[in-house]
Amino acid sequence: MSTTVEIKGELELYLKQLIDAGLYNNVAEAVRDSIRHLMKEYDTKEIAVILYKMEKISLAKAAEIAGVSSIEMKKILVEKGINPRLGAESAEKLRKDYLTLKGEVN
């Protein structure tokens, strides 16, 4: 995934100083490192729970984000009062999913 970000003002100057000082080779490297440091400030398990609860990600993706197994992620969700979604909610949904995978439904 590629993202374009416009950085101006003080932040742009600060990034230039970091590069000029030889701490980073380029802006992209400095920004990536900044984001890595920022993510250390957040609880990835909590992020995974929020995204899962919003139905933006699957159980497997939540486990990946949280850095735990799927079994452990299920336990975390239950502890937070969230029932894990464990497959198709109905036979009709399962049939539609199957047909979609086969390429028969858009």
Protein backbone atom coordinates (compact mmCIF):
# COMPACT_ATOMS: atom_id res chain seq x y z
CA MET A 1 0.00 0.00 0.00
CA SER A 2 1.34 3.38 -0.94
CA THR A 3 0.18 6.58 0.74
CA THR A 4 1.01 10.16 -0.16
CA VAL A 5 1.29 12.68 2.66
CA GLU A 6 1.92 16.41 2.39
CA ILE A 7 4.13 17.74 5.18
CA LYS A 8 4.68 21.49 5.56
CA GLY A 9 5.90 24.01 8.06
CA GLU A 10 7.67 22.98 11.24
CA LEU A 11 7.30 19.26 10.57
CA GLU A 12 8.88 19.62 7.13
CA LEU A 13 11.78 21.58 8.63
CA TYR A 14 12.24 19.03 11.40
CA LEU A 15 12.31 16.15 8.91
CA LYS A 16 14.90 18.02 6.80
CA GLN A 17 17.07 18.52 9.90
CA LEU A 18 16.90 14.80 10.73
CA ILE A 19 17.98 13.93 7.20
CA ASP A 20 20.70 16.61 7.10
CA ALA A 21 22.06 15.25 10.39
CA GLY A 22 22.36 11.83 8.77
CA LEU A 23 19.82 10.15 11.02
CA TYR A 24 17.69 9.15 8.02
CA ASN A 25 18.41 8.79 4.32
CA ASN A 26 15.15 10.34 3.18
CA VAL A 27 11.74 11.63 4.29
CA ALA A 28 9.97 8.30 3.70
CA GLU A 29 12.40 6.50 6.02
CA ALA A 30 11.93 9.15 8.73
CA VAL A 31 8.13 9.03 8.46
CA ARG A 32 8.05 5.21 8.60
CA ASP A 33 10.21 5.26 11.73
CA SER A 34 7.97 7.93 13.28
CA ILE A 35 4.89 5.80 12.68
CA ARG A 36 6.61 2.75 14.21
CA HIS A 37 7.36 4.80 17.33
CA LEU A 38 3.80 6.15 17.41
CA MET A 39 2.33 2.65 17.23
CA LYS A 40 4.34 1.64 20.30
CA GLU A 41 2.23 4.16 22.23
CA TYR A 42 -1.00 2.31 21.39
CA ASP A 43 -2.28 -1.03 22.62
CA THR A 44 -2.52 -3.13 19.47
CA LYS A 45 -4.92 -5.53 21.18
CA GLU A 46 -7.31 -2.66 21.86
CA ILE A 47 -7.02 -1.47 18.26
CA ALA A 48 -7.82 -4.99 17.06
CA VAL A 49 -10.85 -5.21 19.37
CA ILE A 50 -12.21 -1.85 18.18
CA LEU A 51 -11.81 -2.72 14.49
CA TYR A 52 -13.32 -6.17 15.02
CA LYS A 53 -16.28 -4.74 16.92
CA MET A 54 -16.85 -2.28 14.06
CA GLU A 55 -16.86 -5.31 11.71
CA LYS A 56 -13.99 -3.83 9.69
CA ILE A 57 -11.75 -6.88 10.13
CA SER A 58 -12.03 -10.64 10.57
CA LEU A 59 -11.07 -12.62 13.64
CA ALA A 60 -7.87 -13.76 11.91
CA LYS A 61 -6.93 -10.17 11.03
CA ALA A 62 -7.69 -9.04 14.60
CA ALA A 63 -5.38 -11.75 15.92
CA GLU A 64 -2.67 -10.67 13.49
CA ILE A 65 -2.95 -7.01 14.53
CA ALA A 66 -2.95 -7.94 18.22
CA GLY A 67 0.00 -10.30 17.78
CA VAL A 68 -1.81 -13.26 19.32
CA SER A 69 -3.29 -16.56 18.14
CA SER A 70 -6.89 -16.78 16.94
CA ILE A 71 -7.75 -18.73 20.10
CA GLU A 72 -6.24 -16.01 22.30
CA MET A 73 -8.07 -13.34 20.28
CA LYS A 74 -11.38 -15.12 20.89
CA LYS A 75 -10.63 -15.06 24.63
CA ILE A 76 -9.83 -11.34 24.50
CA LEU A 77 -13.09 -10.61 22.67
CA VAL A 78 -15.15 -12.63 25.15
CA GLU A 79 -13.44 -10.82 28.06
CA LYS A 80 -14.53 -7.53 26.44
CA GLY A 81 -18.10 -8.81 26.11
CA ILE A 82 -17.91 -9.30 22.36
CA ASN A 83 -19.18 -12.55 20.85
CA PRO A 84 -16.76 -13.71 18.15
CA ARG A 85 -18.27 -14.07 14.69
CA LEU A 86 -17.46 -17.62 13.75
CA GLY A 87 -18.67 -18.03 10.20
CA ALA A 88 -21.79 -17.51 8.16
CA GLU A 89 -24.80 -16.25 10.08
CA SER A 90 -27.20 -18.31 7.99
CA ALA A 91 -27.36 -21.01 5.34
CA GLU A 92 -28.34 -18.35 2.79
CA LYS A 93 -25.31 -16.20 3.64
CA LEU A 94 -23.09 -19.27 3.40
CA ARG A 95 -24.57 -20.09 -0.03
CA LYS A 96 -24.02 -16.52 -1.27
CA ASP A 97 -20.43 -16.54 0.00
CA TYR A 98 -19.83 -19.85 -1.77
CA LEU A 99 -21.26 -18.55 -5.05
CA THR A 100 -19.21 -15.36 -4.74
CA LEU A 101 -16.04 -17.39 -4.29
CA LYS A 102 -16.94 -19.47 -7.33
CA GLY A 103 -17.39 -16.24 -9.28
CA GLU A 104 -21.09 -16.76 -9.95
CA VAL A 105 -22.28 -13.72 -7.97
CA ASN A 106 -20.83 -10.22 -7.80
